[in-house]
Amino acid sequence: MSFPKVARVKQSVPQPRVADIAATVRSLIRESKLRDRVPAGGTIAVGVGSRGITSIPTIARAAVDALKELGYRPFIVAAMGSHGGATADGQRELLAGYGITPEAMGVEVRTDMDTVVLGTNCVGLPIYFDRNAHGADGIVLLNRVKPHTDFSGVYESGVLKMLAIGLGKRDGATQIHKLGIPGMLKVLPDVMKFLVANTRFALGLAILENVEDMPAEIVALEPETILDVEPKLLERARGLMGRLPFDQIDVLVVGEVGKNYSGSGMDPNVIGRLMVETMADLPRPVVTRLALLDASEETHGNIVGVGFADLTTERLVSKIDPEPFRINVLTSCCLERARIPMTLPTDREVFEASLATCWRIDPAEARLVVIPNTLELTTLWVSEAYEAEVAAHPHLVRETDYQPLAFLSDGTLDQEAMFPDSVRGRRASGAYPSH
């Protein structure tokens, strides 16, 4: 088969960025009303989740240090629902993969899965809450605010969701997801409001990331105003998030799936495929054939999102860790994204099958886009069919001539060479985490 040649394209949308992350976090905590809510010398549970927030080690350590400076006794608590196989060891491993360890943070890291029941939600199910967080004198949560990968609502991914699902552990996550998307839209806000009023939630730090996955803004959320302020931050985050610059793609090849890139492995807001039972796909981009090559190390065998793809590799499928994968999928009650697509031995064969079935007479003329994952969208490789669109786009610059796809001798795409600044590229060079 004659493959399309590709060129490297840089997507450079002007973005805001927090200049001094640690200083900003310390200032927000010092200037908050935390001391009005938590007694002097009290314990504070600092919630950290499983999302791949680029600067989370810096943010978490700065938060811990600021709390110590105020005379508090902080500890870190895992706030990630059923992730990590819904086990204490699994969640500890996930946090460690993001640089959140007792040694790096200077405090205890608690990942126990025990919960207490605090009440009943609007459909009569119990409201579960992390026992460690419930026993603290105050709770401070650190999380990214962004559009959710499953639904659209007033409240999507953010500090409030971490309070309700992250600190609900497996028990709480299961109850909220039990009714699928209608339940998320009805039950989740109900539980959020209950927990703001009935726990020692004292402060949230909402992180809004730019397209380079760095903090564009960090905002302190007080309990009295969080229900009104977080929806406004969600809209700001929606305007900041990275997207593909094309409306129609014949073949989209994604280098890695992973929970560190998106809660759903691949972000539907990027690929245009929602893959949720009874719900329609997103309006753009329209992708004829989606291929997936590998899973990130940081996802620890939880390949949620593999079902978005039409084709994948035997290498990726061999990395499945069945238990965390199964638990996460069944807890979410969204099963479509877990279906294993057609599997082929090598990356080259996945490319061949994708191009042969993308509804083009001549595969060499296909509109082909290659990205490292759905989070890092600054660098793309695109085929010549996009030349006119790239030239006309105000934020796209072609940086190389068109050249053959970079396959190694065993048929593996050389992602490290194509995307040296990506998580995968930095991982291979020993520069990841780069915090």
Protein backbone atom coordinates (compact mmCIF):
# COMPACT_ATOMS: atom_id res chain seq x y z
CA MET A 1 0.00 0.00 0.00
CA SER A 2 1.10 3.54 -0.73
CA PHE A 3 0.87 5.43 2.55
CA PRO A 4 0.29 9.20 2.57
CA LYS A 5 3.35 11.23 3.43
CA VAL A 6 3.03 13.37 6.53
CA ALA A 7 4.44 16.64 7.86
CA ARG A 8 4.78 17.95 11.40
CA VAL A 9 2.35 20.76 12.17
CA LYS A 10 2.51 22.99 15.23
CA GLN A 11 -0.73 24.24 16.75
CA SER A 12 0.00 27.46 18.63
CA VAL A 13 -3.06 29.09 20.15
CA PRO A 14 -2.13 31.99 22.48
CA GLN A 15 -2.71 30.78 26.03
CA PRO A 16 -2.68 32.25 29.53
CA ARG A 17 -0.34 30.59 32.01
CA VAL A 18 0.27 30.81 35.77
CA ALA A 19 3.79 32.20 36.13
CA ASP A 20 4.65 30.84 39.60
CA ILE A 21 2.47 27.85 40.43
CA ALA A 22 3.74 27.18 43.96
CA ALA A 23 3.57 30.82 45.01
CA THR A 24 0.03 31.11 43.61
CA VAL A 25 -1.14 28.06 45.55
CA ARG A 26 0.41 29.27 48.81
CA SER A 27 -1.12 32.72 48.35
CA LEU A 28 -4.60 31.35 47.63
CA ILE A 29 -4.53 29.19 50.74
CA ARG A 30 -3.22 31.97 52.99
CA GLU A 31 -5.83 34.43 51.67
CA SER A 32 -8.75 31.98 51.92
CA LYS A 33 -11.22 31.68 54.79
CA LEU A 34 -9.70 28.36 55.82
CA ARG A 35 -8.78 29.60 59.30
CA ASP A 36 -12.43 30.52 59.93
CA ARG A 37 -13.45 26.89 59.36
CA VAL A 38 -10.65 24.70 60.66
CA PRO A 39 -9.44 25.02 64.26
CA ALA A 40 -5.80 25.92 64.84
CA GLY A 41 -3.56 22.86 64.80
CA GLY A 42 -6.28 20.72 63.21
CA THR A 43 -5.83 17.91 60.71
CA ILE A 44 -6.59 18.58 57.05
CA ALA A 45 -7.20 15.93 54.39
CA VAL A 46 -5.79 17.12 51.06
CA GLY A 47 -7.59 15.30 48.25
CA VAL A 48 -5.59 14.32 45.16
CA GLY A 49 -7.06 12.25 42.32
CA SER A 50 -6.03 10.03 39.43
CA ARG A 51 -6.17 12.60 36.64
CA GLY A 52 -2.89 13.36 34.88
CA ILE A 53 -2.68 16.99 35.96
CA THR A 54 0.72 18.07 34.71
CA SER A 55 1.67 20.20 37.71
CA ILE A 56 -0.03 18.21 40.46
CA PRO A 57 3.19 17.40 42.38
CA THR A 58 4.06 21.11 42.52
CA ILE A 59 0.51 22.09 43.47
CA ALA A 60 0.12 19.38 46.11
CA ARG A 61 3.47 20.07 47.76
CA ALA A 62 2.79 23.82 47.81
CA ALA A 63 -0.63 23.20 49.37
CA VAL A 64 0.84 20.92 52.03
CA ASP A 65 3.60 23.41 52.83
CA ALA A 66 1.14 26.31 53.08
CA LEU A 67 -1.10 24.35 55.43
CA LYS A 68 1.87 23.49 57.63
CA GLU A 69 2.88 27.16 57.69
CA LEU A 70 -0.60 27.97 59.01
CA GLY A 71 -0.09 25.48 61.83
CA TYR A 72 -2.22 22.65 60.45
CA ARG A 73 -1.41 18.94 60.27
CA PRO A 74 -2.14 17.95 56.65
CA PHE A 75 -2.16 14.52 55.09
CA ILE A 76 -2.96 13.48 51.52
CA VAL A 77 -5.97 11.30 50.79
CA ALA A 78 -6.67 9.50 47.51
CA ALA A 79 -9.81 10.99 45.94
CA MET A 80 -10.36 8.88 42.82
CA GLY A 81 -13.47 6.75 43.28
CA SER A 82 -12.94 3.25 41.89
CA HIS A 83 -9.70 3.86 40.02
CA GLY A 84 -6.59 1.84 40.75
CA GLY A 85 -8.61 -1.36 40.85
CA ALA A 86 -10.57 0.08 43.80
CA THR A 87 -7.81 -1.06 46.18
CA ALA A 88 -5.62 0.86 48.59
CA ASP A 89 -2.45 -0.47 46.97
CA GLY A 90 -3.71 0.35 43.47
CA GLN A 91 -4.58 3.91 44.38
CA ARG A 92 -1.27 4.38 46.18
CA GLU A 93 0.51 3.19 43.04
CA LEU A 94 -1.44 5.62 40.87
CA LEU A 95 -0.58 8.55 43.12
CA ALA A 96 3.07 7.52 43.23
CA GLY A 97 3.09 7.52 39.43
CA TYR A 98 2.22 11.23 39.56
CA GLY A 99 4.94 11.98 42.10
CA ILE A 100 2.56 11.97 45.07
CA THR A 101 4.48 9.98 47.68
CA PRO A 102 5.10 10.53 51.42
CA GLU A 103 8.74 11.27 50.66
CA ALA A 104 8.00 13.86 47.97
CA MET A 105 5.11 15.50 49.83
CA GLY A 106 6.51 15.39 53.36
CA VAL A 107 3.24 14.03 54.77
CA GLU A 108 1.34 10.76 55.09
CA VAL A 109 -0.53 9.51 52.02
CA ARG A 110 -3.71 7.58 52.89
CA THR A 111 -5.38 5.42 50.27
CA ASP A 112 -7.72 3.27 52.39
CA MET A 113 -11.03 2.43 50.71
CA ASP A 114 -13.15 2.54 53.88
CA THR A 115 -16.22 4.77 53.79
CA VAL A 116 -18.94 6.03 56.11
CA VAL A 117 -22.60 6.62 55.19
CA LEU A 118 -23.60 10.23 55.70
CA GLY A 119 -27.12 10.28 54.33
CA THR A 120 -29.41 9.30 51.46
CA ASN A 121 -29.49 10.77 47.97
CA CYS A 122 -32.51 11.89 45.97
CA VAL A 123 -33.25 8.39 44.65
CA GLY A 124 -32.96 6.72 48.04
CA LEU A 125 -29.43 5.34 47.81
CA PRO A 126 -26.82 5.86 50.55
CA ILE A 127 -24.25 8.65 50.28
CA TYR A 128 -20.78 7.24 51.01
CA PHE A 129 -17.75 9.29 52.03
CA ASP A 130 -14.09 8.52 52.64
CA ARG A 131 -13.53 7.65 56.30
CA ASN A 132 -10.14 9.38 56.50
CA ALA A 133 -11.48 12.63 55.05
CA HIS A 134 -14.56 12.48 57.25
CA GLY A 135 -12.38 12.18 60.35
CA ALA A 136 -10.24 15.20 59.53
CA ASP A 137 -10.92 18.67 60.93
CA GLY A 138 -10.96 20.08 57.40
CA ILE A 139 -10.85 18.97 53.75
CA VAL A 140 -8.96 20.74 50.95
CA LEU A 141 -9.42 19.40 47.41
CA LEU A 142 -7.11 19.88 44.42
CA ASN A 143 -8.60 19.13 41.01
CA ARG A 144 -8.83 20.24 37.41
CA VAL A 145 -12.08 21.78 36.17
CA LYS A 146 -12.90 20.72 32.62
CA PRO A 147 -15.74 19.45 30.44
CA HIS A 148 -16.74 15.92 31.35
CA THR A 149 -16.12 13.09 28.92
CA ASP A 150 -19.57 11.47 29.36
CA PHE A 151 -22.19 14.21 29.70
CA SER A 152 -22.91 17.94 29.63
CA GLY A 153 -24.43 19.63 32.65
CA VAL A 154 -24.16 22.52 35.07
CA TYR A 155 -21.52 20.61 37.01
CA GLU A 156 -19.05 18.38 35.17
CA SER A 157 -15.45 17.48 36.10
CA GLY A 158 -14.06 19.52 38.95
CA VAL A 159 -13.71 19.98 42.68
CA LEU A 160 -17.36 19.15 43.35
CA LYS A 161 -17.16 15.90 41.42
CA MET A 162 -14.03 14.98 43.40
CA LEU A 163 -15.97 15.64 46.60
CA ALA A 164 -18.88 13.42 45.54
CA ILE A 165 -17.25 10.65 43.50
CA GLY A 166 -13.54 10.87 44.28
CA LEU A 167 -14.07 10.83 48.05
CA GLY A 168 -17.03 8.48 47.66
CA LYS A 169 -14.45 5.79 46.86
CA ARG A 170 -15.78 2.73 45.06
CA ASP A 171 -19.00 2.65 47.08
CA GLY A 172 -19.95 6.24 46.32
CA ALA A 173 -18.87 6.12 42.68
CA THR A 174 -21.02 3.03 42.13
CA GLN A 175 -24.12 4.65 43.61
CA ILE A 176 -23.82 7.84 41.57
CA HIS A 177 -23.16 6.00 38.30
CA LYS A 178 -25.90 3.43 38.91
CA LEU A 179 -28.52 5.17 36.76
CA GLY A 180 -26.15 6.01 33.91
CA ILE A 181 -26.16 9.47 32.35
CA PRO A 182 -29.64 10.44 33.64
CA GLY A 183 -28.36 9.59 37.11
CA MET A 184 -25.23 11.67 36.65
CA LEU A 185 -27.34 14.67 35.69
CA LYS A 186 -29.76 14.24 38.61
CA VAL A 187 -28.00 12.37 41.40
CA LEU A 188 -24.52 13.91 41.12
CA PRO A 189 -25.60 17.54 41.78
CA ASP A 190 -27.78 16.35 44.66
CA VAL A 191 -24.86 14.53 46.32
CA MET A 192 -22.52 17.45 45.67
CA LYS A 193 -24.83 19.90 47.45
CA PHE A 194 -25.36 17.50 50.35
CA LEU A 195 -21.64 16.98 50.90
CA VAL A 196 -20.79 20.69 50.75
CA ALA A 197 -23.30 21.21 53.56
CA ASN A 198 -22.63 18.07 55.60
CA THR A 199 -18.86 17.52 55.57
CA ARG A 200 -15.87 19.55 56.71
CA PHE A 201 -15.08 20.62 53.15
CA ALA A 202 -13.12 23.80 53.75
CA LEU A 203 -11.51 24.83 50.44
CA GLY A 204 -11.06 23.75 46.84
CA LEU A 205 -8.32 24.75 44.44
CA ALA A 206 -9.68 24.59 40.89
CA ILE A 207 -7.04 24.17 38.19
CA LEU A 208 -7.84 25.36 34.67
CA GLU A 209 -5.31 24.08 32.14
CA ASN A 210 -4.34 25.58 28.80
CA VAL A 211 -3.73 23.59 25.60
CA GLU A 212 -0.15 22.97 26.72
CA ASP A 213 -1.58 21.18 29.80
CA MET A 214 -0.15 23.80 32.14
CA PRO A 215 -2.21 25.81 34.65
CA ALA A 216 -3.79 28.78 32.94
CA GLU A 217 -5.50 29.77 36.17
CA ILE A 218 -5.85 28.44 39.73
CA VAL A 219 -8.93 29.58 41.64
CA ALA A 220 -9.81 29.17 45.32
CA LEU A 221 -13.34 27.85 45.85
CA GLU A 222 -14.96 28.53 49.20
CA PRO A 223 -17.84 26.31 50.43
CA GLU A 224 -20.30 29.22 50.45
CA THR A 225 -19.76 30.04 46.77
CA ILE A 226 -18.47 26.87 45.08
CA LEU A 227 -21.88 25.82 43.74
CA ASP A 228 -22.19 29.15 41.92
CA VAL A 229 -18.56 29.67 40.90
CA GLU A 230 -17.56 26.25 39.56
CA PRO A 231 -20.03 26.32 36.61
CA LYS A 232 -18.48 29.63 35.50
CA LEU A 233 -15.01 28.08 35.67
CA LEU A 234 -16.28 25.17 33.59
CA GLU A 235 -17.22 27.54 30.79
CA ARG A 236 -13.79 29.17 30.95
CA ALA A 237 -12.16 25.74 30.84
CA ARG A 238 -14.27 24.80 27.82
CA GLY A 239 -12.76 27.70 25.91
CA LEU A 240 -9.21 26.78 26.94
CA MET A 241 -9.17 23.07 26.17
CA GLY A 242 -7.18 21.71 23.25
CA ARG A 243 -9.02 20.46 20.19
CA LEU A 244 -8.17 19.13 16.77
CA PRO A 245 -8.23 21.92 14.16
CA PHE A 246 -10.04 19.88 11.48
CA ASP A 247 -13.75 19.10 11.12
CA GLN A 248 -13.36 15.97 8.97
CA ILE A 249 -10.69 13.28 9.28
CA ASP A 250 -10.49 10.08 7.24
CA VAL A 251 -8.00 8.37 9.56
CA LEU A 252 -7.13 9.55 13.05
CA VAL A 253 -4.29 7.63 14.70
CA VAL A 254 -3.86 8.05 18.46
CA GLY A 255 -0.53 6.93 19.90
CA GLU A 256 -1.64 6.12 23.45
CA VAL A 257 -4.80 5.65 25.48
CA GLY A 258 -4.62 6.28 29.22
CA LYS A 259 -6.36 7.54 32.33
CA ASN A 260 -3.52 10.05 32.68
CA TYR A 261 -4.75 11.70 29.46
CA SER A 262 -8.49 11.54 30.09
CA GLY A 263 -10.87 9.89 32.50
CA SER A 264 -12.25 8.02 29.50
CA GLY A 265 -8.81 7.13 28.13
CA MET A 266 -9.37 9.31 25.08
CA ASP A 267 -11.28 12.58 25.36
CA PRO A 268 -14.55 12.54 23.37
CA ASN A 269 -14.35 16.32 23.11
CA VAL A 270 -11.24 15.79 20.99
CA ILE A 271 -12.12 12.73 18.91
CA GLY A 272 -15.82 13.52 18.44
CA ARG A 273 -16.95 10.05 19.51
CA LEU A 274 -19.03 9.84 22.70
CA MET A 275 -19.73 6.09 22.76
CA VAL A 276 -22.27 6.27 25.56
CA GLU A 277 -25.35 4.09 25.33
CA THR A 278 -28.44 5.93 23.96
CA MET A 279 -26.48 9.13 23.24
CA ALA A 280 -25.37 10.64 19.93
CA ASP A 281 -21.77 11.44 19.03
CA LEU A 282 -20.46 14.99 19.16
CA PRO A 283 -20.81 17.17 16.05
CA ARG A 284 -17.06 17.55 15.37
CA PRO A 285 -14.68 16.25 14.30
CA VAL A 286 -16.23 13.57 12.10
CA VAL A 287 -13.72 10.70 12.05
CA THR A 288 -14.24 7.85 9.59
CA ARG A 289 -11.58 5.51 10.97
CA LEU A 290 -9.97 5.80 14.41
CA ALA A 291 -6.87 3.73 15.16
CA LEU A 292 -5.20 3.29 18.56
CA LEU A 293 -1.64 2.01 18.89
CA ASP A 294 -0.69 1.64 22.56
CA ALA A 295 -1.56 2.22 26.22
CA SER A 296 0.40 4.50 28.52
CA GLU A 297 2.44 3.10 31.38
CA GLU A 298 0.68 5.50 33.72
CA THR A 299 -2.73 3.90 33.11
CA HIS A 300 -1.51 0.66 34.74
CA GLY A 301 -3.39 -1.69 32.45
CA ASN A 302 -6.72 0.14 32.73
CA ILE A 303 -7.38 0.66 29.03
CA VAL A 304 -10.80 2.27 29.38
CA GLY A 305 -11.48 4.04 26.10
CA VAL A 306 -10.14 1.30 23.84
CA GLY A 307 -13.69 0.91 22.54
CA PHE A 308 -13.55 4.34 20.90
CA ALA A 309 -11.19 2.86 18.32
CA ASP A 310 -12.02 0.83 15.22
CA LEU A 311 -8.61 -0.85 15.12
CA THR A 312 -5.83 -1.47 17.61
CA THR A 313 -2.70 -3.53 18.16
CA GLU A 314 -2.00 -6.82 19.85
CA ARG A 315 0.59 -4.94 21.90
CA LEU A 316 -2.06 -2.73 23.46
CA VAL A 317 -4.49 -5.56 24.18
CA SER A 318 -1.71 -7.56 25.87
CA LYS A 319 -1.31 -4.74 28.40
CA ILE A 320 -4.82 -5.08 29.83
CA ASP A 321 -4.92 -5.61 33.58
CA PRO A 322 -8.36 -7.23 33.78
CA GLU A 323 -9.27 -6.35 37.36
CA PRO A 324 -8.88 -2.53 37.40
CA PHE A 325 -10.22 -2.40 33.84
CA ARG A 326 -13.31 -4.40 34.75
CA ILE A 327 -13.96 -2.55 38.01
CA ASN A 328 -13.68 0.89 36.43
CA VAL A 329 -15.93 -0.03 33.50
CA LEU A 330 -18.63 -1.70 35.59
CA THR A 331 -18.60 1.14 38.11
CA SER A 332 -19.10 3.69 35.34
CA CYS A 333 -22.08 1.76 33.89
CA CYS A 334 -20.90 2.84 30.41
CA LEU A 335 -19.83 -0.35 28.65
CA GLU A 336 -19.50 0.68 25.00
CA ARG A 337 -16.05 2.20 25.51
CA ALA A 338 -14.69 -1.08 26.84
CA ARG A 339 -15.32 -3.15 23.70
CA ILE A 340 -12.10 -4.50 22.19
CA PRO A 341 -11.84 -3.40 18.53
CA MET A 342 -10.36 -5.37 15.66
CA THR A 343 -6.80 -6.22 16.68
CA LEU A 344 -3.77 -6.53 14.38
CA PRO A 345 -0.16 -7.56 15.09
CA THR A 346 1.70 -4.30 14.31
CA ASP A 347 1.25 -0.55 14.01
CA ARG A 348 2.00 -0.77 10.28
CA GLU A 349 -0.85 -3.25 9.78
CA VAL A 350 -3.20 -1.02 11.75
CA PHE A 351 -2.30 1.88 9.45
CA GLU A 352 -2.80 -0.30 6.38
CA ALA A 353 -6.24 -1.50 7.50
CA SER A 354 -7.31 1.98 8.52
CA LEU A 355 -6.32 3.50 5.20
CA ALA A 356 -7.84 0.64 3.22
CA THR A 357 -11.22 1.08 4.94
CA CYS A 358 -11.46 4.88 5.25
CA TRP A 359 -13.68 5.22 2.18
CA ARG A 360 -11.06 6.71 -0.14
CA ILE A 361 -10.33 5.23 -3.58
CA ASP A 362 -6.65 6.08 -3.26
CA PRO A 363 -5.33 5.66 0.32
CA ALA A 364 -2.43 7.99 -0.51
CA GLU A 365 -4.96 10.83 -0.75
CA ALA A 366 -6.50 10.16 2.67
CA ARG A 367 -6.92 12.92 5.25
CA LEU A 368 -4.64 11.39 7.88
CA VAL A 369 -3.86 12.87 11.31
CA VAL A 370 -1.51 11.34 13.89
CA ILE A 371 -1.47 12.56 17.52
CA PRO A 372 0.35 11.22 20.61
CA ASN A 373 -2.80 11.19 22.80
CA THR A 374 -5.90 13.34 23.23
CA LEU A 375 -4.37 15.63 25.84
CA GLU A 376 -1.22 16.82 24.05
CA LEU A 377 -2.35 18.48 20.85
CA THR A 378 0.34 21.05 20.20
CA THR A 379 2.16 18.80 17.70
CA LEU A 380 0.29 16.94 14.96
CA TRP A 381 1.45 15.00 11.92
CA VAL A 382 -0.87 15.44 8.94
CA SER A 383 -1.04 14.27 5.35
CA GLU A 384 -0.76 16.44 2.25
CA ALA A 385 -4.54 16.49 1.88
CA TYR A 386 -4.58 19.12 4.65
CA GLU A 387 -2.03 21.44 3.04
CA ALA A 388 -4.53 24.16 2.09
CA GLU A 389 -6.28 24.08 5.47
CA VAL A 390 -3.00 24.28 7.37
CA ALA A 391 -1.82 27.21 5.25
CA ALA A 392 -5.07 29.10 5.81
CA HIS A 393 -5.33 28.43 9.57
CA PRO A 394 -4.15 31.32 11.78
CA HIS A 395 -2.77 29.02 14.50
CA LEU A 396 -1.18 26.24 12.43
CA VAL A 397 2.36 26.17 11.04
CA ARG A 398 3.85 23.36 8.98
CA GLU A 399 7.34 22.76 10.35
CA THR A 400 8.70 20.03 8.06
CA ASP A 401 8.46 18.79 4.50
CA TYR A 402 6.16 15.84 3.81
CA GLN A 403 7.93 12.57 4.54
CA PRO A 404 7.20 8.84 4.94
CA LEU A 405 5.67 7.65 8.19
CA ALA A 406 8.37 6.79 10.74
CA PHE A 407 8.07 3.01 11.14
CA LEU A 408 10.77 0.99 12.88
CA SER A 409 11.96 -2.32 11.43
CA ASP A 410 9.40 -4.31 13.46
CA GLY A 411 6.48 -2.27 12.11
CA THR A 412 6.12 -0.08 15.22
CA LEU A 413 5.53 3.63 14.69
CA ASP A 414 8.44 5.61 16.15
CA GLN A 415 6.32 7.78 18.40
CA GLU A 416 9.29 8.93 20.45
CA ALA A 417 10.88 10.48 17.36
CA MET A 418 7.62 11.97 16.10
CA PHE A 419 6.56 13.39 19.48
CA PRO A 420 9.71 13.89 21.60
CA ASP A 421 7.99 16.43 23.87
CA SER A 422 5.00 14.20 24.64
CA VAL A 423 4.58 12.19 27.83
CA ARG A 424 5.74 9.11 25.92
CA GLY A 425 8.73 10.93 24.47
CA ARG A 426 9.79 12.34 27.83
CA ARG A 427 9.24 8.95 29.44
CA ALA A 428 11.58 7.30 26.94
CA SER A 429 14.25 9.96 27.49
CA GLY A 430 14.02 9.70 31.26
CA ALA A 431 12.63 13.23 31.59
CA TYR A 432 9.15 12.25 32.82
CA PRO A 433 7.70 13.26 35.19
CA SER A 434 9.14 16.66 34.32
CA HIS A 435 7.92 18.59 37.33
